[in-house]
Structures are given as C-alpha cells and as structure tokens.
Amino acid sequence: MQILSFPEVATPADLRVQVREIQEQAWPSERVSDVPAGATTHDPALRPLSMLLADEGTVLAALDILFKGIVHAGRRFSAGGLSAVVTSKQARGRGYGRQLVTAARETMAAQGLDLGLFTCDRPLQAFYESAGWRVLPGAVLIGGTPQDPFPSDQPGFDKVTMADFFSTTGRQAQASFRHSRIRLYPGEIDKLW
C-alpha cells in the first residue's frame, strides 16, 4: 500500500479514471464515462494536489488539497483545504480514509502553510478529528466569490469547519478564526472546498 501525490493535471489517466469511479459511488451525478480521462475537476488557480492511497495499482481512497492565500482580520495567510475526500465502497471501514486524511494534514504542514481549513458534513466531524483535525468553533467559510458568496452556514447545510494551524503565524492568529466568517472565496468552480 502506498500514498501517491500528483498535481491534479499530472495524475496518470488510469488512476484518474479510478478516482472518478469512486467519486461516482459516493456522489452519483454525471456518468463517469462521459468525463474525459484527463479532465481536471478543480480550478487550476488553486494548485490542486491529488493524493491517492493505492494498493498494487488499485485506488482505495483519494482526496485533493487546494491552496490559496486569504486575508483574515487584516492579515495574509497561506491556506490549504481538503476537497473530494472519498474511499471506495469495497475499502470502507478499514482506516484507509483516515490514513490518507492524516497524510494530507502532514503534507499541508510540510508545504509551509499557515493553516488548513475546510468544511465537512457534521456527521463526519469525528472522522476528521481522528485524523488530527480540530473543529474551529463558530467559524463559517465564505466560498464562491465576493460578487456571489457561498457561505457554509446557508439554509439546508449542516456543516462544521475543521482546521489546523501549522505555522507560528497561524498559531498566533488562531483565536481570530474562532466564531468568525472567513472569506475564502475559492471561485466559481470550487465554490466551497
């Protein structure tokens, strides 16, 4: 078993096809066969990094890390977030997702980011906490764009914001992120990572 990392655009086509199939299991939407094998799913401006947990060429779990500079409380921070975290139906319940999410948190810290933050459905909070992430109490991520915001506390959403603070700068500012509205604005493609 190994963890593979690629910029999203450089992920080998055979692995990308497997990831799309696993994503289709979790979030049925469009037919996987209708999506070109080399197509990317994220805004390239967010420098997506795909991480895959694979066993002898078979993808068991996958996620993407997105990167962006943000301004919060008058200060600039380098931030990353998890997106499209998924484990194949056949591999669930074996700790593979947790192993990959833990590795992603470690990768984000090693990248020199100030912090990592993302939202998840409330029932998944314990899963992310088991991988080293912490709830950011009262925090709301504002996705989308300044002209068309997409907040994580909109009606019909039951999200919680997860975070970790990696750098000294990030740790010193941690309190300013609690109970705040964080203007992430990742754009129109990745409305809320």
N, C-alpha and C. Protein backbone atom coordinates (compact mmCIF):
# COMPACT_ATOMS: atom_id res chain seq x y z
N MET A 1 0.85 -1.17 0.00
CA MET A 1 0.00 0.00 0.00
C MET A 1 0.90 1.24 0.00
N GLN A 2 0.51 2.24 -0.80
CA GLN A 2 1.32 3.45 -0.85
C GLN A 2 0.43 4.66 -1.10
N ILE A 3 0.94 5.82 -0.67
CA ILE A 3 0.27 7.07 -0.93
C ILE A 3 1.00 7.76 -2.07
N LEU A 4 0.25 8.10 -3.10
CA LEU A 4 0.79 8.76 -4.28
C LEU A 4 0.29 10.19 -4.31
N SER A 5 1.13 11.12 -4.72
CA SER A 5 0.75 12.52 -4.83
C SER A 5 1.14 13.05 -6.20
N PHE A 6 0.22 13.77 -6.82
CA PHE A 6 0.46 14.36 -8.13
C PHE A 6 -0.26 15.70 -8.19
N PRO A 7 0.30 16.68 -8.89
CA PRO A 7 -0.55 17.81 -9.25
C PRO A 7 -1.74 17.22 -10.03
N GLU A 8 -2.93 17.74 -9.81
CA GLU A 8 -4.10 17.13 -10.43
C GLU A 8 -3.92 16.90 -11.93
N VAL A 9 -3.36 17.88 -12.63
CA VAL A 9 -3.19 17.76 -14.09
C VAL A 9 -2.20 16.67 -14.47
N ALA A 10 -1.34 16.25 -13.55
CA ALA A 10 -0.32 15.24 -13.86
C ALA A 10 -0.68 13.85 -13.34
N THR A 11 -1.88 13.69 -12.78
CA THR A 11 -2.29 12.37 -12.29
C THR A 11 -2.46 11.44 -13.48
N PRO A 12 -1.80 10.27 -13.45
CA PRO A 12 -1.93 9.34 -14.58
C PRO A 12 -3.39 9.02 -14.88
N ALA A 13 -3.71 8.94 -16.16
CA ALA A 13 -5.10 8.77 -16.61
C ALA A 13 -5.77 7.54 -16.00
N ASP A 14 -5.05 6.42 -15.89
CA ASP A 14 -5.69 5.21 -15.34
C ASP A 14 -6.08 5.41 -13.87
N LEU A 15 -5.27 6.14 -13.14
CA LEU A 15 -5.60 6.42 -11.74
C LEU A 15 -6.76 7.42 -11.65
N ARG A 16 -6.74 8.43 -12.52
CA ARG A 16 -7.82 9.43 -12.52
C ARG A 16 -9.15 8.77 -12.82
N VAL A 17 -9.18 7.80 -13.74
CA VAL A 17 -10.42 7.09 -14.06
C VAL A 17 -10.93 6.35 -12.82
N GLN A 18 -10.02 5.71 -12.09
CA GLN A 18 -10.42 5.00 -10.87
C GLN A 18 -10.98 5.97 -9.82
N VAL A 19 -10.34 7.13 -9.68
CA VAL A 19 -10.81 8.13 -8.72
C VAL A 19 -12.22 8.57 -9.11
N ARG A 20 -12.43 8.84 -10.39
CA ARG A 20 -13.77 9.26 -10.84
C ARG A 20 -14.82 8.20 -10.53
N GLU A 21 -14.46 6.94 -10.69
CA GLU A 21 -15.41 5.85 -10.40
C GLU A 21 -15.76 5.82 -8.91
N ILE A 22 -14.76 6.03 -8.05
CA ILE A 22 -15.00 6.05 -6.61
C ILE A 22 -15.85 7.27 -6.24
N GLN A 23 -15.57 8.40 -6.85
CA GLN A 23 -16.37 9.60 -6.60
C GLN A 23 -17.82 9.39 -7.04
N GLU A 24 -18.00 8.70 -8.14
CA GLU A 24 -19.35 8.43 -8.63
C GLU A 24 -20.11 7.53 -7.65
N GLN A 25 -19.41 6.61 -6.98
CA GLN A 25 -20.05 5.78 -5.95
C GLN A 25 -20.59 6.66 -4.82
N ALA A 26 -19.78 7.64 -4.43
CA ALA A 26 -20.14 8.49 -3.29
C ALA A 26 -21.12 9.58 -3.66
N TRP A 27 -20.94 10.19 -4.83
CA TRP A 27 -21.76 11.33 -5.24
C TRP A 27 -22.24 11.12 -6.67
N PRO A 28 -23.22 10.23 -6.85
CA PRO A 28 -23.70 9.98 -8.22
C PRO A 28 -24.20 11.28 -8.85
N SER A 29 -23.68 11.57 -10.01
CA SER A 29 -24.10 12.79 -10.70
C SER A 29 -24.14 12.52 -12.19
N GLU A 30 -23.04 12.79 -12.84
CA GLU A 30 -22.96 12.52 -14.26
C GLU A 30 -22.25 11.19 -14.47
N ARG A 31 -22.46 10.59 -15.59
CA ARG A 31 -21.82 9.31 -15.87
C ARG A 31 -20.31 9.48 -16.00
N VAL A 32 -19.58 8.63 -15.31
CA VAL A 32 -18.13 8.69 -15.34
C VAL A 32 -17.60 8.57 -16.77
N SER A 33 -18.24 7.74 -17.57
CA SER A 33 -17.75 7.53 -18.93
C SER A 33 -17.89 8.79 -19.80
N ASP A 34 -18.74 9.73 -19.38
CA ASP A 34 -18.91 10.97 -20.14
C ASP A 34 -17.81 11.99 -19.86
N VAL A 35 -17.00 11.75 -18.84
CA VAL A 35 -15.96 12.70 -18.45
C VAL A 35 -14.64 12.22 -19.03
N PRO A 36 -13.97 13.04 -19.82
CA PRO A 36 -12.68 12.62 -20.39
C PRO A 36 -11.69 12.25 -19.29
N ALA A 37 -10.90 11.21 -19.51
CA ALA A 37 -9.98 10.70 -18.51
C ALA A 37 -9.00 11.76 -18.02
N GLY A 38 -8.55 12.63 -18.89
CA GLY A 38 -7.56 13.64 -18.50
C GLY A 38 -8.15 14.91 -17.94
N ALA A 39 -9.47 15.00 -17.86
CA ALA A 39 -10.12 16.24 -17.42
C ALA A 39 -9.85 16.48 -15.94
N THR A 40 -9.66 17.75 -15.61
CA THR A 40 -9.48 18.11 -14.20
C THR A 40 -10.81 18.59 -13.64
N THR A 41 -10.93 18.55 -12.32
CA THR A 41 -12.19 18.95 -11.69
C THR A 41 -12.08 20.24 -10.90
N HIS A 42 -10.87 20.69 -10.64
CA HIS A 42 -10.67 21.87 -9.80
C HIS A 42 -10.13 23.04 -10.61
N ASP A 43 -10.30 24.23 -10.05
CA ASP A 43 -9.76 25.44 -10.64
C ASP A 43 -8.23 25.36 -10.56
N PRO A 44 -7.52 25.45 -11.70
CA PRO A 44 -6.06 25.37 -11.68
C PRO A 44 -5.41 26.45 -10.82
N ALA A 45 -6.10 27.58 -10.63
CA ALA A 45 -5.55 28.67 -9.81
C ALA A 45 -5.38 28.24 -8.34
N LEU A 46 -6.08 27.17 -7.93
CA LEU A 46 -5.98 26.67 -6.55
C LEU A 46 -4.89 25.61 -6.41
N ARG A 47 -4.11 25.40 -7.46
CA ARG A 47 -2.98 24.47 -7.48
C ARG A 47 -3.34 23.10 -6.87
N PRO A 48 -4.38 22.43 -7.37
CA PRO A 48 -4.82 21.17 -6.77
C PRO A 48 -3.76 20.09 -6.77
N LEU A 49 -3.61 19.47 -5.62
CA LEU A 49 -2.70 18.34 -5.44
C LEU A 49 -3.55 17.12 -5.11
N SER A 50 -3.50 16.12 -5.96
CA SER A 50 -4.25 14.89 -5.74
C SER A 50 -3.42 13.91 -4.92
N MET A 51 -4.04 13.33 -3.90
CA MET A 51 -3.39 12.30 -3.09
C MET A 51 -4.24 11.05 -3.16
N LEU A 52 -3.58 9.93 -3.45
CA LEU A 52 -4.28 8.66 -3.62
C LEU A 52 -3.64 7.60 -2.74
N LEU A 53 -4.46 6.81 -2.09
CA LEU A 53 -3.97 5.63 -1.38
C LEU A 53 -4.25 4.45 -2.29
N ALA A 54 -3.20 3.79 -2.73
CA ALA A 54 -3.35 2.73 -3.72
C ALA A 54 -2.66 1.45 -3.25
N ASP A 55 -3.20 0.34 -3.70
CA ASP A 55 -2.62 -0.96 -3.42
C ASP A 55 -2.45 -1.69 -4.75
N GLU A 56 -1.21 -1.87 -5.18
CA GLU A 56 -0.87 -2.54 -6.43
C GLU A 56 -1.68 -1.99 -7.60
N GLY A 57 -1.71 -0.66 -7.71
CA GLY A 57 -2.36 -0.01 -8.84
C GLY A 57 -3.85 0.22 -8.68
N THR A 58 -4.44 -0.25 -7.58
CA THR A 58 -5.86 -0.04 -7.34
C THR A 58 -6.04 1.09 -6.33
N VAL A 59 -6.77 2.12 -6.72
CA VAL A 59 -7.02 3.25 -5.83
C VAL A 59 -8.09 2.86 -4.81
N LEU A 60 -7.75 3.01 -3.53
CA LEU A 60 -8.68 2.68 -2.44
C LEU A 60 -9.33 3.94 -1.86
N ALA A 61 -8.58 5.04 -1.84
CA ALA A 61 -9.08 6.30 -1.30
C ALA A 61 -8.38 7.43 -2.04
N ALA A 62 -9.05 8.58 -2.07
CA ALA A 62 -8.49 9.73 -2.79
C ALA A 62 -8.98 11.02 -2.15
N LEU A 63 -8.21 12.08 -2.36
CA LEU A 63 -8.60 13.43 -1.96
C LEU A 63 -7.77 14.41 -2.74
N ASP A 64 -8.19 15.65 -2.69
CA ASP A 64 -7.42 16.73 -3.31
C ASP A 64 -7.18 17.80 -2.25
N ILE A 65 -6.00 18.39 -2.31
CA ILE A 65 -5.68 19.54 -1.47
C ILE A 65 -5.67 20.76 -2.39
N LEU A 66 -6.38 21.81 -1.97
CA LEU A 66 -6.42 23.06 -2.72
C LEU A 66 -5.69 24.12 -1.91
N PHE A 67 -5.04 25.06 -2.58
CA PHE A 67 -4.20 26.07 -1.92
C PHE A 67 -4.65 27.47 -2.33
N LYS A 68 -4.61 28.39 -1.36
CA LYS A 68 -5.00 29.76 -1.67
C LYS A 68 -4.50 30.69 -0.57
N GLY A 69 -4.11 31.88 -0.95
CA GLY A 69 -3.83 32.92 0.03
C GLY A 69 -5.14 33.56 0.45
N ILE A 70 -5.30 33.83 1.74
CA ILE A 70 -6.51 34.50 2.22
C ILE A 70 -6.10 35.69 3.08
N VAL A 71 -7.05 36.61 3.26
CA VAL A 71 -6.86 37.72 4.19
C VAL A 71 -7.92 37.56 5.27
N HIS A 72 -7.48 37.58 6.51
CA HIS A 72 -8.40 37.43 7.64
C HIS A 72 -7.94 38.35 8.76
N ALA A 73 -8.86 39.10 9.32
CA ALA A 73 -8.56 40.03 10.41
C ALA A 73 -7.39 40.95 10.04
N GLY A 74 -7.35 41.36 8.77
CA GLY A 74 -6.33 42.29 8.31
C GLY A 74 -4.96 41.70 8.05
N ARG A 75 -4.85 40.36 8.11
CA ARG A 75 -3.55 39.71 7.88
C ARG A 75 -3.66 38.70 6.76
N ARG A 76 -2.54 38.48 6.08
CA ARG A 76 -2.48 37.49 5.00
C ARG A 76 -2.01 36.14 5.55
N PHE A 77 -2.62 35.08 5.02
CA PHE A 77 -2.27 33.73 5.43
C PHE A 77 -2.25 32.83 4.20
N SER A 78 -1.35 31.85 4.21
CA SER A 78 -1.37 30.81 3.19
C SER A 78 -2.20 29.66 3.75
N ALA A 79 -3.22 29.28 2.98
CA ALA A 79 -4.16 28.27 3.47
C ALA A 79 -4.30 27.14 2.47
N GLY A 80 -4.67 26.00 2.98
CA GLY A 80 -4.99 24.84 2.16
C GLY A 80 -6.24 24.20 2.70
N GLY A 81 -6.90 23.45 1.86
CA GLY A 81 -8.11 22.77 2.30
C GLY A 81 -8.30 21.44 1.59
N LEU A 82 -9.02 20.55 2.23
CA LEU A 82 -9.32 19.26 1.65
C LEU A 82 -10.56 19.36 0.77
N SER A 83 -10.55 18.59 -0.30
CA SER A 83 -11.69 18.55 -1.21
C SER A 83 -11.84 17.13 -1.74
N ALA A 84 -13.08 16.73 -1.98
CA ALA A 84 -13.39 15.45 -2.64
C ALA A 84 -12.74 14.25 -1.94
N VAL A 85 -12.85 14.19 -0.62
CA VAL A 85 -12.32 13.07 0.15
C VAL A 85 -13.26 11.88 -0.03
N VAL A 86 -12.70 10.76 -0.48
CA VAL A 86 -13.56 9.62 -0.79
C VAL A 86 -12.79 8.31 -0.64
N THR A 87 -13.50 7.26 -0.21
CA THR A 87 -12.96 5.91 -0.13
C THR A 87 -13.89 4.99 -0.91
N SER A 88 -13.33 4.05 -1.64
CA SER A 88 -14.17 3.14 -2.42
C SER A 88 -15.05 2.32 -1.48
N LYS A 89 -16.23 1.96 -1.97
CA LYS A 89 -17.18 1.19 -1.15
C LYS A 89 -16.54 -0.09 -0.62
N GLN A 90 -15.77 -0.75 -1.46
CA GLN A 90 -15.16 -2.03 -1.07
C GLN A 90 -14.08 -1.87 0.01
N ALA A 91 -13.53 -0.67 0.14
CA ALA A 91 -12.41 -0.47 1.08
C ALA A 91 -12.81 0.28 2.34
N ARG A 92 -14.07 0.64 2.48
CA ARG A 92 -14.51 1.41 3.64
C ARG A 92 -14.43 0.59 4.92
N GLY A 93 -14.21 1.30 6.02
CA GLY A 93 -14.18 0.66 7.34
C GLY A 93 -12.85 0.04 7.70
N ARG A 94 -11.83 0.28 6.93
CA ARG A 94 -10.51 -0.31 7.19
C ARG A 94 -9.46 0.73 7.58
N GLY A 95 -9.87 1.98 7.72
CA GLY A 95 -8.95 3.03 8.14
C GLY A 95 -8.18 3.69 7.01
N TYR A 96 -8.48 3.34 5.76
CA TYR A 96 -7.74 3.91 4.63
C TYR A 96 -8.00 5.40 4.48
N GLY A 97 -9.26 5.80 4.61
CA GLY A 97 -9.58 7.22 4.51
C GLY A 97 -8.87 8.03 5.58
N ARG A 98 -8.89 7.53 6.81
CA ARG A 98 -8.21 8.21 7.92
C ARG A 98 -6.71 8.31 7.65
N GLN A 99 -6.13 7.24 7.15
CA GLN A 99 -4.69 7.24 6.83
C GLN A 99 -4.38 8.32 5.79
N LEU A 100 -5.22 8.45 4.77
CA LEU A 100 -4.98 9.42 3.72
C LEU A 100 -5.21 10.85 4.22
N VAL A 101 -6.26 11.07 5.01
CA VAL A 101 -6.54 12.41 5.53
C VAL A 101 -5.44 12.85 6.50
N THR A 102 -4.91 11.92 7.28
CA THR A 102 -3.79 12.22 8.17
C THR A 102 -2.56 12.62 7.35
N ALA A 103 -2.29 11.86 6.30
CA ALA A 103 -1.14 12.17 5.43
C ALA A 103 -1.33 13.52 4.75
N ALA A 104 -2.55 13.87 4.39
CA ALA A 104 -2.81 15.16 3.76
C ALA A 104 -2.53 16.30 4.74
N ARG A 105 -2.93 16.13 5.99
CA ARG A 105 -2.65 17.16 7.00
C ARG A 105 -1.15 17.33 7.16
N GLU A 106 -0.41 16.24 7.20
CA GLU A 106 1.05 16.29 7.32
C GLU A 106 1.67 16.95 6.08
N THR A 107 1.14 16.66 4.91
CA THR A 107 1.63 17.26 3.66
C THR A 107 1.41 18.77 3.69
N MET A 108 0.24 19.19 4.15
CA MET A 108 -0.06 20.62 4.22
C MET A 108 0.90 21.33 5.16
N ALA A 109 1.18 20.72 6.29
CA ALA A 109 2.13 21.31 7.25
C ALA A 109 3.52 21.40 6.62
N ALA A 110 3.92 20.35 5.91
CA ALA A 110 5.25 20.32 5.28
C ALA A 110 5.36 21.32 4.13
N GLN A 111 4.23 21.72 3.54
CA GLN A 111 4.23 22.70 2.44
C GLN A 111 4.50 24.11 2.96
N GLY A 112 4.54 24.29 4.28
CA GLY A 112 4.79 25.60 4.85
C GLY A 112 3.56 26.49 4.95
N LEU A 113 2.38 25.88 4.90
CA LEU A 113 1.15 26.66 5.03
C LEU A 113 0.98 27.20 6.45
N ASP A 114 0.26 28.31 6.55
CA ASP A 114 -0.07 28.84 7.87
C ASP A 114 -1.18 28.01 8.52
N LEU A 115 -2.14 27.60 7.70
CA LEU A 115 -3.26 26.83 8.25
C LEU A 115 -3.93 26.01 7.17
N GLY A 116 -4.66 25.01 7.65
CA GLY A 116 -5.54 24.23 6.79
C GLY A 116 -6.95 24.40 7.33
N LEU A 117 -7.91 24.57 6.44
CA LEU A 117 -9.29 24.67 6.88
C LEU A 117 -10.22 24.22 5.77
N PHE A 118 -11.33 23.63 6.15
CA PHE A 118 -12.32 23.13 5.21
C PHE A 118 -13.60 22.85 5.99
N THR A 119 -14.67 22.62 5.26
CA THR A 119 -15.91 22.23 5.92
C THR A 119 -16.18 20.76 5.64
N CYS A 120 -16.96 20.17 6.52
CA CYS A 120 -17.43 18.81 6.30
C CYS A 120 -18.85 18.72 6.85
N ASP A 121 -19.57 17.70 6.42
CA ASP A 121 -20.89 17.45 6.99
C ASP A 121 -20.70 17.10 8.47
N ARG A 122 -21.57 17.62 9.30
CA ARG A 122 -21.46 17.44 10.76
C ARG A 122 -21.24 15.98 11.17
N PRO A 123 -21.91 14.99 10.56
CA PRO A 123 -21.67 13.60 10.97
C PRO A 123 -20.24 13.10 10.73
N LEU A 124 -19.47 13.82 9.90
CA LEU A 124 -18.09 13.40 9.61
C LEU A 124 -17.07 14.06 10.54
N GLN A 125 -17.51 14.88 11.45
CA GLN A 125 -16.60 15.59 12.36
C GLN A 125 -15.68 14.63 13.10
N ALA A 126 -16.21 13.59 13.70
CA ALA A 126 -15.38 12.65 14.47
C ALA A 126 -14.33 11.97 13.59
N PHE A 127 -14.70 11.66 12.34
CA PHE A 127 -13.74 11.05 11.43
C PHE A 127 -12.54 11.98 11.23
N TYR A 128 -12.79 13.25 10.93
CA TYR A 128 -11.69 14.19 10.70
C TYR A 128 -10.90 14.45 11.98
N GLU A 129 -11.58 14.49 13.11
CA GLU A 129 -10.86 14.65 14.38
C GLU A 129 -9.93 13.48 14.62
N SER A 130 -10.33 12.28 14.23
CA SER A 130 -9.48 11.10 14.42
C SER A 130 -8.23 11.15 13.54
N ALA A 131 -8.24 12.03 12.52
CA ALA A 131 -7.09 12.20 11.63
C ALA A 131 -6.28 13.44 12.00
N GLY A 132 -6.56 14.04 13.16
CA GLY A 132 -5.76 15.15 13.65
C GLY A 132 -6.33 16.54 13.44
N TRP A 133 -7.46 16.66 12.75
CA TRP A 133 -8.09 17.96 12.53
C TRP A 133 -8.92 18.33 13.75
N ARG A 134 -9.16 19.63 13.92
CA ARG A 134 -9.97 20.10 15.06
C ARG A 134 -11.10 21.00 14.55
N VAL A 135 -12.20 20.98 15.29
CA VAL A 135 -13.30 21.87 14.95
C VAL A 135 -12.87 23.30 15.24
N LEU A 136 -13.22 24.20 14.33
CA LEU A 136 -12.98 25.62 14.53
C LEU A 136 -14.32 26.20 14.98
N PRO A 137 -14.52 26.35 16.30
CA PRO A 137 -15.85 26.68 16.83
C PRO A 137 -16.41 27.97 16.24
N GLY A 138 -17.68 27.86 15.80
CA GLY A 138 -18.40 29.03 15.32
C GLY A 138 -17.91 29.62 14.03
N ALA A 139 -16.96 28.99 13.37
CA ALA A 139 -16.40 29.55 12.13
C ALA A 139 -17.27 29.17 10.94
N VAL A 140 -17.42 30.12 10.04
CA VAL A 140 -18.16 29.92 8.79
C VAL A 140 -17.23 30.27 7.65
N LEU A 141 -17.09 29.36 6.67
CA LEU A 141 -16.31 29.66 5.48
C LEU A 141 -17.23 30.30 4.45
N ILE A 142 -16.75 31.38 3.86
CA ILE A 142 -17.49 32.05 2.79
C ILE A 142 -16.81 31.67 1.48
N GLY A 143 -17.45 30.83 0.72
CA GLY A 143 -16.92 30.38 -0.55
C GLY A 143 -17.42 31.23 -1.69
N GLY A 144 -17.33 30.69 -2.90
CA GLY A 144 -17.77 31.42 -4.08
C GLY A 144 -16.86 32.58 -4.38
N THR A 145 -17.45 33.72 -4.68
CA THR A 145 -16.71 34.94 -4.99
C THR A 145 -17.30 36.09 -4.18
N PRO A 146 -16.59 37.22 -4.08
CA PRO A 146 -17.18 38.36 -3.37
C PRO A 146 -18.51 38.81 -4.00
N GLN A 147 -18.64 38.67 -5.32
CA GLN A 147 -19.87 39.06 -6.01
C GLN A 147 -20.98 38.03 -5.85
N ASP A 148 -20.61 36.77 -5.62
CA ASP A 148 -21.58 35.68 -5.49
C ASP A 148 -21.12 34.75 -4.36
N PRO A 149 -21.25 35.21 -3.10
CA PRO A 149 -20.75 34.41 -1.98
C PRO A 149 -21.54 33.13 -1.77
N PHE A 150 -20.85 32.13 -1.22
CA PHE A 150 -21.43 30.81 -0.97
C PHE A 150 -21.04 30.40 0.45
N PRO A 151 -21.80 30.84 1.47
CA PRO A 151 -21.42 30.57 2.86
C PRO A 151 -21.74 29.15 3.32
N SER A 152 -20.93 28.64 4.21
CA SER A 152 -21.13 27.28 4.72
C SER A 152 -22.27 27.18 5.72
N ASP A 153 -22.85 28.31 6.12
CA ASP A 153 -23.99 28.27 7.05
C ASP A 153 -25.32 28.59 6.35
N GLN A 154 -25.35 28.44 5.04
CA GLN A 154 -26.58 28.73 4.32
C GLN A 154 -27.66 27.69 4.65
N PRO A 155 -28.93 28.05 4.48
CA PRO A 155 -30.02 27.13 4.78
C PRO A 155 -29.85 25.80 4.04
N GLY A 156 -30.13 24.72 4.75
CA GLY A 156 -30.03 23.39 4.17
C GLY A 156 -28.66 22.74 4.34
N PHE A 157 -27.67 23.51 4.79
CA PHE A 157 -26.34 22.96 5.04
C PHE A 157 -26.23 22.62 6.52
N ASP A 158 -25.56 21.55 6.82
CA ASP A 158 -25.24 21.21 8.21
C ASP A 158 -23.75 20.93 8.26
N LYS A 159 -22.97 22.00 8.15
CA LYS A 159 -21.52 21.90 8.03
C LYS A 159 -20.84 22.34 9.31
N VAL A 160 -19.66 21.82 9.51
CA VAL A 160 -18.77 22.30 10.56
C VAL A 160 -17.44 22.59 9.91
N THR A 161 -16.75 23.59 10.42
CA THR A 161 -15.45 23.98 9.88
C THR A 161 -14.35 23.28 10.68
N MET A 162 -13.48 22.60 9.97
CA MET A 162 -12.35 21.89 10.57
C MET A 162 -11.09 22.68 10.24
N ALA A 163 -10.09 22.63 11.13
CA ALA A 163 -8.87 23.39 10.90
C ALA A 163 -7.68 22.79 11.62
N ASP A 164 -6.52 23.24 11.23
CA ASP A 164 -5.28 23.02 11.96
C ASP A 164 -4.38 24.20 11.63
N PHE A 165 -3.59 24.60 12.58
CA PHE A 165 -2.71 25.77 12.42
C PHE A 165 -1.28 25.28 12.45
N PHE A 166 -0.57 25.47 11.34
CA PHE A 166 0.74 24.85 11.16
C PHE A 166 1.90 25.77 11.52
N SER A 167 1.86 27.01 11.09
CA SER A 167 2.99 27.91 11.29
C SER A 167 2.83 28.70 12.58
N THR A 168 3.92 29.33 13.01
CA THR A 168 3.85 30.22 14.17
C THR A 168 2.85 31.33 13.91
N THR A 169 2.87 31.90 12.71
CA THR A 169 1.93 32.95 12.35
C THR A 169 0.49 32.45 12.46
N GLY A 170 0.24 31.27 11.95
CA GLY A 170 -1.09 30.69 12.02
C GLY A 170 -1.53 30.43 13.45
N ARG A 171 -0.64 29.84 14.24
CA ARG A 171 -0.99 29.53 15.64
C ARG A 171 -1.25 30.80 16.43
N GLN A 172 -0.48 31.86 16.17
CA GLN A 172 -0.69 33.11 16.89
C GLN A 172 -2.03 33.76 16.55
N ALA A 173 -2.53 33.51 15.35
CA ALA A 173 -3.79 34.11 14.91
C ALA A 173 -5.00 33.19 15.12
N GLN A 174 -4.78 32.03 15.67
CA GLN A 174 -5.83 31.02 15.79
C GLN A 174 -7.11 31.57 16.42
N ALA A 175 -7.00 32.33 17.49
CA ALA A 175 -8.19 32.85 18.18
C ALA A 175 -9.03 33.74 17.27
N SER A 176 -8.40 34.45 16.34
CA SER A 176 -9.16 35.35 15.45
C SER A 176 -10.03 34.58 14.46
N PHE A 177 -9.76 33.30 14.27
CA PHE A 177 -10.55 32.49 13.33
C PHE A 177 -11.78 31.89 14.00
N ARG A 178 -11.75 31.78 15.32
CA ARG A 178 -12.91 31.21 16.02
C ARG A 178 -14.08 32.19 15.96
N HIS A 179 -15.28 31.64 15.81
CA HIS A 179 -16.50 32.44 15.80
C HIS A 179 -16.40 33.61 14.82
N SER A 180 -15.91 33.31 13.62
CA SER A 180 -15.75 34.35 12.61
C SER A 180 -16.25 33.86 11.26
N ARG A 181 -16.41 34.80 10.36
CA ARG A 181 -16.75 34.49 8.98
C ARG A 181 -15.47 34.66 8.17
N ILE A 182 -14.99 33.58 7.61
CA ILE A 182 -13.69 33.55 6.94
C ILE A 182 -13.93 33.64 5.43
N ARG A 183 -13.44 34.71 4.83
CA ARG A 183 -13.62 34.94 3.39
C ARG A 183 -12.59 34.13 2.60
N LEU A 184 -13.00 32.95 2.22
CA LEU A 184 -12.14 32.04 1.47
C LEU A 184 -12.15 32.38 -0.02
N TYR A 185 -13.33 32.57 -0.59
CA TYR A 185 -13.53 32.92 -1.99
C TYR A 185 -12.66 32.12 -2.98
N PRO A 186 -12.87 30.80 -3.03
CA PRO A 186 -12.08 30.00 -3.99
C PRO A 186 -12.56 30.08 -5.43
N GLY A 187 -13.68 30.76 -5.70
CA GLY A 187 -14.12 30.95 -7.07
C GLY A 187 -15.40 30.22 -7.42
N GLU A 188 -15.69 30.16 -8.70
CA GLU A 188 -16.92 29.57 -9.20
C GLU A 188 -16.85 28.05 -9.37
N ILE A 189 -15.67 27.52 -9.63
CA ILE A 189 -15.55 26.07 -9.84
C ILE A 189 -15.58 25.34 -8.51
N ASP A 190 -14.74 25.73 -7.60
CA ASP A 190 -14.67 25.12 -6.27
C ASP A 190 -15.33 26.08 -5.28
N LYS A 191 -16.63 26.14 -5.31
CA LYS A 191 -17.35 27.14 -4.52
C LYS A 191 -17.00 27.07 -3.04
N LEU A 192 -16.85 25.87 -2.52
CA LEU A 192 -16.52 25.70 -1.11
C LEU A 192 -15.69 24.42 -1.02
N TRP A 193 -14.41 24.57 -0.74
CA TRP A 193 -13.61 23.35 -0.74
C TRP A 193 -13.84 22.54 0.50
